[in-house]
Amino acid sequence: MTLPNDLKPSTIAAQAGGAIDRQSGGVVPPLQPSTTFLRDEDYRLVNPDNIYLRDNSDIVRITENVLARLENAEETLLFPSGMAAIAALFRTTPTGVSVVVQSGIYWGTTKWLRDFCSRRQIALHEVDAADPKALDEACAAHAPYLVFIETPSNPWLKTVDIAHAATCAHRVGALLAVDSTAATPVLQKPLELGADIVMHSATKAINGHSDVLAGVLATSAPAAKVWAEIKADRHDAGAVIGPFEAWLLLRGIRTLPLRVKQMCRSTQAIAEYLSAHPKVTDVYYPGLASHPGHAIATTQMQGGYGSLFSFLVKGGGPEALALVGRLKLFHRATSLGGVESLVEHRHTIEPHTGIPESLIRASVGIEDTDDLIADLDQALG
């Protein structure tokens, strides 16, 4: 079933892009786990689209199509994790060139990039991309092959002006890639702002149920040389997602706009509550007017500012750990974007990264807003 092109994201998601099971009449797209596909007596493929699971899966293609429509992309590719998607992108970078990467982003990305660039003799330049002048100067000085930013960033919630970053990158002939995980395609569409490639850890809010690892790359230029190289790398290196994971991911996507709406509403209220609390010294959330990136976020994000935020408590590590330990509804666990609210004491996990001991990162789920605020209130004491 083909859906019209002028539908809202919530309709596209709920309808799974128009996918159904024509054979049974089921309104849920089918799951086919086969790794290989039949040929007839003349050795013609029974289904010309399917040879081998590595690149040929109907449910993967359906899910990619839905994500492409949500992202306003020409083409998307699914990967078995967000880091697999990032790795596929950076493996197209030639040896010996320069790349400019935003500093203070997800530590897993930073660590992998430092190791990868060192092995490949790629000059890695880390810069505070939320500072337009710093990004402009870095691009001008290093003439990078690729610029990689993350907005809003994790865990500092910095906001990068995507349109400005695109201008900086394109002026020197670089590609701009944007990790838009914290925003989701519902709130932010980097391709419309000039980005060449968008990346998501679909493990997070896109899936939304903390039960699937997945990554996404999306582009508006599928004929570009780098995109062809990414597709070839995915096939040849085998960084493919399984059909069951793709099916679960699609099921999660069908409620994505609804979940994001509730999560943004709650996170905004919680951030405002915490910013007025005497035991909280700072709140990092782009939805707050006091946030340095609020104006940019308001321009390039529609419908809310996401479900991720961080805050500093008075005191240090002992006070932060005690607060986290008293929480009853926020699960003490890594990750973000799920239907359940999560909380992390980042310094315990990443003491070597300079994260303050008093910083707490939280991901807000779809629970009742007042219940979550009450939980924080009793934990703060």
Protein backbone atom coordinates (compact mmCIF):
# COMPACT_ATOMS: atom_id res chain seq x y z
CA MET A 1 0.00 0.00 0.00
CA THR A 2 1.44 3.36 -1.06
CA LEU A 3 0.79 6.32 1.25
CA PRO A 4 0.44 9.91 -0.03
CA ASN A 5 3.54 12.10 0.17
CA ASP A 6 1.99 14.92 2.21
CA LEU A 7 1.29 13.01 5.43
CA LYS A 8 2.42 14.08 8.88
CA PRO A 9 5.16 12.06 10.67
CA SER A 10 2.70 10.58 13.17
CA THR A 11 0.63 9.11 10.32
CA ILE A 12 3.65 7.79 8.43
CA ALA A 13 4.94 6.13 11.61
CA ALA A 14 1.63 4.65 12.75
CA GLN A 15 0.96 3.23 9.28
CA ALA A 16 4.50 1.81 8.99
CA GLY A 17 4.84 3.73 5.74
CA GLY A 18 1.90 1.78 4.31
CA ALA A 19 3.42 -1.66 4.80
CA ILE A 20 1.10 -4.62 5.41
CA ASP A 21 1.24 -8.38 4.86
CA ARG A 22 -0.48 -8.85 1.51
CA GLN A 23 -0.25 -12.63 1.60
CA SER A 24 -2.20 -13.04 4.86
CA GLY A 25 -4.01 -9.70 4.90
CA GLY A 26 -2.39 -8.85 8.22
CA VAL A 27 -2.04 -5.18 9.11
CA VAL A 28 1.41 -5.90 10.61
CA PRO A 29 4.33 -6.31 8.17
CA PRO A 30 5.65 -9.91 8.20
CA LEU A 31 8.97 -11.15 9.53
CA GLN A 32 10.98 -13.43 7.23
CA PRO A 33 14.09 -14.83 8.97
CA SER A 34 15.50 -16.77 6.01
CA THR A 35 19.15 -16.08 5.24
CA THR A 36 18.95 -17.32 1.64
CA PHE A 37 16.32 -17.30 -1.10
CA LEU A 38 15.15 -19.76 -3.77
CA ARG A 39 15.84 -19.92 -7.48
CA ASP A 40 13.62 -21.82 -9.94
CA GLU A 41 14.52 -24.69 -12.28
CA ASP A 42 16.15 -22.23 -14.68
CA TYR A 43 18.10 -20.69 -11.79
CA ARG A 44 16.10 -17.49 -11.89
CA LEU A 45 15.39 -15.89 -8.54
CA VAL A 46 11.86 -16.51 -7.31
CA ASN A 47 11.98 -12.95 -5.95
CA PRO A 48 14.49 -10.82 -7.89
CA ASP A 49 14.94 -8.53 -4.87
CA ASN A 50 16.21 -11.26 -2.57
CA ILE A 51 19.39 -13.29 -2.94
CA TYR A 52 20.98 -13.39 0.50
CA LEU A 53 20.04 -11.81 3.83
CA ARG A 54 23.13 -9.63 4.14
CA ASP A 55 21.63 -6.97 1.87
CA ASN A 56 18.23 -8.45 1.05
CA SER A 57 15.51 -8.29 3.69
CA ASP A 58 12.00 -7.06 3.06
CA ILE A 59 11.47 -5.95 6.68
CA VAL A 60 14.78 -4.08 6.70
CA ARG A 61 13.79 -2.27 3.50
CA ILE A 62 10.37 -1.41 4.94
CA THR A 63 11.93 0.02 8.09
CA GLU A 64 14.52 1.97 6.11
CA ASN A 65 11.74 3.43 3.96
CA VAL A 66 9.78 4.62 7.00
CA LEU A 67 12.90 6.22 8.48
CA ALA A 68 13.69 7.90 5.16
CA ARG A 69 10.22 9.46 5.08
CA LEU A 70 10.49 10.62 8.68
CA GLU A 71 13.94 12.12 8.03
CA ASN A 72 12.96 13.58 4.64
CA ALA A 73 15.87 11.61 3.17
CA GLU A 74 16.27 10.01 -0.21
CA GLU A 75 17.74 6.87 1.27
CA THR A 76 18.56 5.33 4.64
CA LEU A 77 20.63 2.36 5.73
CA LEU A 78 20.18 0.31 8.89
CA PHE A 79 23.11 -1.03 10.90
CA PRO A 80 23.36 -3.36 13.91
CA SER A 81 24.25 -0.46 16.23
CA GLY A 82 24.84 3.27 16.26
CA MET A 83 28.59 2.76 16.49
CA ALA A 84 28.46 0.42 13.48
CA ALA A 85 26.83 3.26 11.53
CA ILE A 86 29.52 5.74 12.62
CA ALA A 87 32.25 3.24 11.77
CA ALA A 88 30.81 2.67 8.29
CA LEU A 89 30.82 6.42 7.70
CA PHE A 90 34.38 7.03 8.89
CA ARG A 91 35.80 3.98 7.10
CA THR A 92 35.13 5.88 3.86
CA THR A 93 37.58 8.58 4.99
CA PRO A 94 40.85 8.36 3.04
CA THR A 95 44.11 7.77 4.90
CA GLY A 96 46.08 10.93 5.62
CA VAL A 97 43.26 13.50 5.50
CA SER A 98 41.90 15.67 8.31
CA VAL A 99 38.54 15.44 10.08
CA VAL A 100 36.92 17.94 12.43
CA VAL A 101 34.84 16.38 15.20
CA GLN A 102 32.83 18.08 17.92
CA SER A 103 34.35 17.80 21.38
CA GLY A 104 32.38 16.72 24.45
CA ILE A 105 30.10 14.31 22.60
CA TYR A 106 29.19 10.70 23.42
CA TRP A 107 32.36 9.20 24.84
CA GLY A 108 32.02 5.96 22.87
CA THR A 109 32.22 7.96 19.63
CA THR A 110 35.18 10.03 20.79
CA LYS A 111 37.16 7.02 22.01
CA TRP A 112 36.60 5.01 18.84
CA LEU A 113 37.47 7.97 16.60
CA ARG A 114 40.70 8.68 18.45
CA ASP A 115 41.82 5.09 18.05
CA PHE A 116 40.63 4.79 14.45
CA CYS A 117 42.19 8.05 13.27
CA SER A 118 45.48 7.16 14.96
CA ARG A 119 45.60 3.82 13.13
CA ARG A 120 44.70 5.38 9.78
CA GLN A 121 47.00 8.44 10.02
CA ILE A 122 43.94 10.69 9.91
CA ALA A 123 44.42 14.06 11.62
CA LEU A 124 41.61 14.36 14.18
CA HIS A 125 40.77 17.88 15.32
CA GLU A 126 38.31 18.12 18.21
CA VAL A 127 36.54 21.46 18.52
CA ASP A 128 33.67 22.97 20.47
CA ALA A 129 31.28 23.08 17.51
CA ALA A 130 28.67 24.92 19.58
CA ASP A 131 31.01 27.93 19.23
CA PRO A 132 30.39 29.10 15.63
CA LYS A 133 33.68 30.98 15.43
CA ALA A 134 35.69 28.01 16.70
CA LEU A 135 34.10 25.70 14.15
CA ASP A 136 34.64 28.19 11.34
CA GLU A 137 38.30 28.60 12.26
CA ALA A 138 38.85 24.84 12.58
CA CYS A 139 37.42 24.17 9.13
CA ALA A 140 39.43 26.98 7.57
CA ALA A 141 42.67 25.91 9.25
CA HIS A 142 42.45 22.15 8.68
CA ALA A 143 40.44 21.82 5.43
CA PRO A 144 38.83 18.60 6.66
CA TYR A 145 37.43 15.82 4.53
CA LEU A 146 34.57 15.34 7.01
CA VAL A 147 32.97 17.38 9.80
CA PHE A 148 31.08 15.41 12.44
CA ILE A 149 28.80 17.06 15.01
CA GLU A 150 26.28 15.86 17.61
CA THR A 151 23.33 18.06 18.51
CA PRO A 152 21.96 18.15 21.15
CA SER A 153 25.14 16.62 22.55
CA ASN A 154 25.47 13.90 25.15
CA PRO A 155 25.88 14.56 28.08
CA TRP A 156 26.39 18.34 27.93
CA LEU A 157 23.32 19.10 25.78
CA LYS A 158 25.20 21.59 23.66
CA THR A 159 23.36 22.84 20.59
CA VAL A 160 25.19 23.25 17.29
CA ASP A 161 23.86 25.47 14.52
CA ILE A 162 23.54 22.83 11.77
CA ALA A 163 23.09 25.33 8.93
CA HIS A 164 26.23 27.20 10.01
CA ALA A 165 28.15 23.93 10.35
CA ALA A 166 27.09 22.98 6.82
CA THR A 167 28.33 26.31 5.50
CA CYS A 168 31.67 25.88 7.28
CA ALA A 169 32.11 22.35 5.97
CA HIS A 170 31.00 22.97 2.41
CA ARG A 171 33.14 26.09 2.07
CA VAL A 172 36.24 23.90 2.29
CA GLY A 173 34.77 20.98 0.34
CA ALA A 174 34.00 18.84 3.39
CA LEU A 175 31.00 16.67 4.12
CA LEU A 176 28.86 17.39 7.18
CA ALA A 177 27.55 14.45 9.21
CA VAL A 178 25.19 15.01 12.15
CA ASP A 179 24.49 12.67 15.04
CA SER A 180 20.86 13.58 15.70
CA THR A 181 20.13 10.76 18.16
CA ALA A 182 18.93 12.95 21.04
CA ALA A 183 16.56 14.87 18.77
CA THR A 184 15.12 11.99 16.69
CA PRO A 185 13.70 12.63 13.19
CA VAL A 186 10.53 13.92 14.87
CA LEU A 187 12.18 17.02 16.32
CA GLN A 188 15.07 17.77 13.97
CA LYS A 189 15.84 17.23 10.28
CA PRO A 190 19.51 18.02 9.64
CA LEU A 191 19.33 17.21 5.92
CA GLU A 192 16.93 20.11 5.43
CA LEU A 193 19.48 22.36 7.14
CA GLY A 194 22.33 21.40 4.83
CA ALA A 195 23.81 18.24 6.35
CA ASP A 196 25.02 15.57 3.95
CA ILE A 197 24.50 12.57 6.23
CA VAL A 198 22.45 12.05 9.40
CA MET A 199 23.25 9.38 11.94
CA HIS A 200 21.06 7.96 14.71
CA SER A 201 21.64 5.39 17.37
CA ALA A 202 18.22 3.83 16.78
CA THR A 203 18.79 1.85 19.97
CA LYS A 204 17.59 4.96 21.75
CA ALA A 205 14.29 6.82 21.19
CA ILE A 206 13.66 5.57 17.65
CA ASN A 207 13.18 2.08 19.04
CA GLY A 208 12.17 3.41 22.44
CA HIS A 209 11.79 0.13 24.33
CA SER A 210 15.36 -0.68 25.39
CA ASP A 211 15.30 -4.02 23.60
CA VAL A 212 17.00 -3.46 20.22
CA LEU A 213 20.48 -2.41 19.12
CA ALA A 214 20.36 -0.52 15.81
CA GLY A 215 21.94 2.34 13.91
CA VAL A 216 20.85 4.52 11.00
CA LEU A 217 22.53 6.59 8.33
CA ALA A 218 20.40 8.79 6.06
CA THR A 219 21.19 11.00 3.08
CA SER A 220 19.56 13.20 0.47
CA ALA A 221 22.27 12.36 -2.06
CA PRO A 222 22.24 8.57 -2.58
CA ALA A 223 24.23 8.93 -5.80
CA ALA A 224 27.17 10.52 -3.99
CA LYS A 225 30.45 8.61 -4.03
CA VAL A 226 30.68 8.45 -0.24
CA TRP A 227 27.19 6.94 0.03
CA ALA A 228 28.08 4.24 -2.49
CA GLU A 229 31.18 3.49 -0.43
CA ILE A 230 29.12 3.25 2.77
CA LYS A 231 26.70 0.83 1.12
CA ALA A 232 29.56 -1.28 -0.18
CA ASP A 233 31.22 -1.29 3.23
CA ARG A 234 28.02 -2.41 4.92
CA HIS A 235 27.65 -5.28 2.48
CA ASP A 236 31.28 -6.35 2.32
CA ALA A 237 32.06 -5.97 6.03
CA GLY A 238 28.72 -7.49 7.02
CA ALA A 239 27.55 -4.71 9.34
CA VAL A 240 23.90 -5.66 8.80
CA ILE A 241 20.92 -5.71 11.11
CA GLY A 242 18.94 -8.91 11.55
CA PRO A 243 15.30 -9.18 10.40
CA PHE A 244 13.93 -9.70 13.92
CA GLU A 245 15.72 -6.57 15.17
CA ALA A 246 14.41 -4.62 12.17
CA TRP A 247 10.88 -5.88 12.87
CA LEU A 248 11.09 -4.82 16.52
CA LEU A 249 12.54 -1.47 15.46
CA LEU A 250 9.63 -0.86 13.09
CA ARG A 251 7.18 -1.72 15.85
CA GLY A 252 8.86 0.87 18.07
CA ILE A 253 8.84 3.51 15.33
CA ARG A 254 5.05 3.28 15.01
CA THR A 255 4.64 5.10 18.35
CA LEU A 256 7.72 7.34 18.05
CA PRO A 257 5.92 10.68 17.53
CA LEU A 258 3.56 10.02 20.44
CA ARG A 259 6.38 8.98 22.75
CA VAL A 260 8.55 11.95 21.81
CA LYS A 261 5.70 14.37 22.45
CA GLN A 262 5.12 13.06 25.99
CA MET A 263 8.82 12.80 26.77
CA CYS A 264 9.50 16.36 25.66
CA ARG A 265 6.59 17.69 27.70
CA SER A 266 7.81 15.95 30.84
CA THR A 267 11.47 16.84 30.33
CA GLN A 268 10.65 20.51 29.91
CA ALA A 269 8.66 20.53 33.15
CA ILE A 270 11.37 18.60 35.03
CA ALA A 271 14.14 20.88 33.77
CA GLU A 272 12.19 23.95 34.88
CA TYR A 273 11.55 22.36 38.29
CA LEU A 274 15.22 21.48 38.79
CA SER A 275 16.48 24.88 37.64
CA ALA A 276 14.57 26.46 40.54
CA HIS A 277 15.65 23.91 43.16
CA PRO A 278 18.09 25.17 45.82
CA LYS A 279 20.14 21.94 45.75
CA VAL A 280 20.73 22.11 41.99
CA THR A 281 23.46 24.42 40.72
CA ASP A 282 22.90 24.06 36.97
CA VAL A 283 20.62 22.33 34.46
CA TYR A 284 21.72 21.53 30.92
CA TYR A 285 18.68 21.40 28.67
CA PRO A 286 18.15 23.39 25.43
CA GLY A 287 14.48 23.93 26.29
CA LEU A 288 15.44 26.35 29.04
CA ALA A 289 15.66 30.02 28.05
CA SER A 290 18.85 30.22 30.13
CA HIS A 291 20.57 27.57 28.02
CA PRO A 292 23.26 29.07 25.72
CA GLY A 293 21.92 27.11 22.75
CA HIS A 294 18.24 27.78 23.37
CA ALA A 295 17.79 30.19 20.45
CA ILE A 296 19.45 27.86 17.96
CA ALA A 297 17.54 24.85 19.29
CA THR A 298 14.28 26.74 18.96
CA THR A 299 15.13 27.52 15.33
CA GLN A 300 16.15 24.02 14.23
CA MET A 301 14.04 21.79 16.50
CA GLN A 302 10.26 21.60 16.13
CA GLY A 303 7.89 20.18 18.73
CA GLY A 304 10.22 20.06 21.71
CA TYR A 305 13.81 19.81 22.86
CA GLY A 306 14.21 16.10 23.53
CA SER A 307 14.15 13.81 26.54
CA LEU A 308 17.80 14.02 27.60
CA PHE A 309 19.15 16.46 30.19
CA SER A 310 21.93 16.75 32.75
CA PHE A 311 22.19 18.66 35.99
CA LEU A 312 24.71 19.45 38.70
CA VAL A 313 23.90 19.04 42.38
CA LYS A 314 25.43 20.99 45.23
CA GLY A 315 28.36 19.22 46.76
CA GLY A 316 30.24 16.58 44.82
CA GLY A 317 30.32 12.89 44.07
CA PRO A 318 28.93 11.63 47.40
CA GLU A 319 25.91 13.94 47.19
CA ALA A 320 25.23 13.03 43.56
CA LEU A 321 25.52 9.31 44.23
CA ALA A 322 23.27 9.56 47.27
CA LEU A 323 20.62 11.38 45.22
CA VAL A 324 20.76 8.76 42.47
CA GLY A 325 20.48 6.01 45.06
CA ARG A 326 17.29 7.48 46.51
CA LEU A 327 15.42 7.61 43.22
CA LYS A 328 12.53 5.12 43.00
CA LEU A 329 11.14 5.60 39.48
CA PHE A 330 14.28 6.52 37.52
CA HIS A 331 16.15 3.28 36.81
CA ARG A 332 19.88 3.48 37.45
CA ALA A 333 21.03 2.32 34.01
CA THR A 334 22.95 3.43 30.93
CA SER A 335 21.27 4.57 27.69
CA LEU A 336 18.46 6.97 26.84
CA GLY A 337 15.26 7.35 24.86
CA GLY A 338 13.31 4.43 26.30
CA VAL A 339 9.77 4.46 27.65
CA GLU A 340 11.23 4.10 31.14
CA SER A 341 13.13 6.98 32.75
CA LEU A 342 16.83 6.35 33.35
CA VAL A 343 19.49 8.08 35.44
CA GLU A 344 23.27 7.93 35.32
CA HIS A 345 26.11 9.17 37.48
CA ARG A 346 28.43 9.75 34.54
CA HIS A 347 31.63 10.17 36.57
CA THR A 348 31.30 6.62 37.90
CA ILE A 349 31.26 5.31 34.31
CA GLU A 350 33.72 7.77 32.74
CA PRO A 351 36.01 9.15 35.49
CA HIS A 352 38.80 9.71 32.93
CA THR A 353 36.81 12.11 30.71
CA GLY A 354 36.67 15.12 33.00
CA ILE A 355 32.98 14.72 33.82
CA PRO A 356 32.24 16.52 37.12
CA GLU A 357 31.45 14.21 40.02
CA SER A 358 28.32 16.24 40.71
CA LEU A 359 26.83 15.71 37.24
CA ILE A 360 23.76 13.53 36.82
CA ARG A 361 22.40 12.64 33.39
CA ALA A 362 18.78 11.66 32.99
CA SER A 363 16.61 10.31 30.19
CA VAL A 364 12.91 10.94 30.66
CA GLY A 365 10.41 8.27 29.65
CA ILE A 366 6.65 8.33 29.18
CA GLU A 367 5.63 8.06 32.83
CA ASP A 368 3.37 10.65 34.42
CA THR A 369 5.21 13.97 34.68
CA ASP A 370 4.10 14.71 38.24
CA ASP A 371 5.21 11.26 39.40
CA LEU A 372 8.69 11.83 38.00
CA ILE A 373 8.97 15.27 39.59
CA ALA A 374 7.81 13.84 42.92
CA ASP A 375 10.50 11.17 42.68
CA LEU A 376 13.19 13.78 42.09
CA ASP A 377 11.77 15.95 44.86
CA GLN A 378 12.00 13.20 47.49
CA ALA A 379 15.50 12.24 46.30
CA LEU A 380 16.75 15.82 46.55
CA GLY A 381 15.31 16.01 50.05
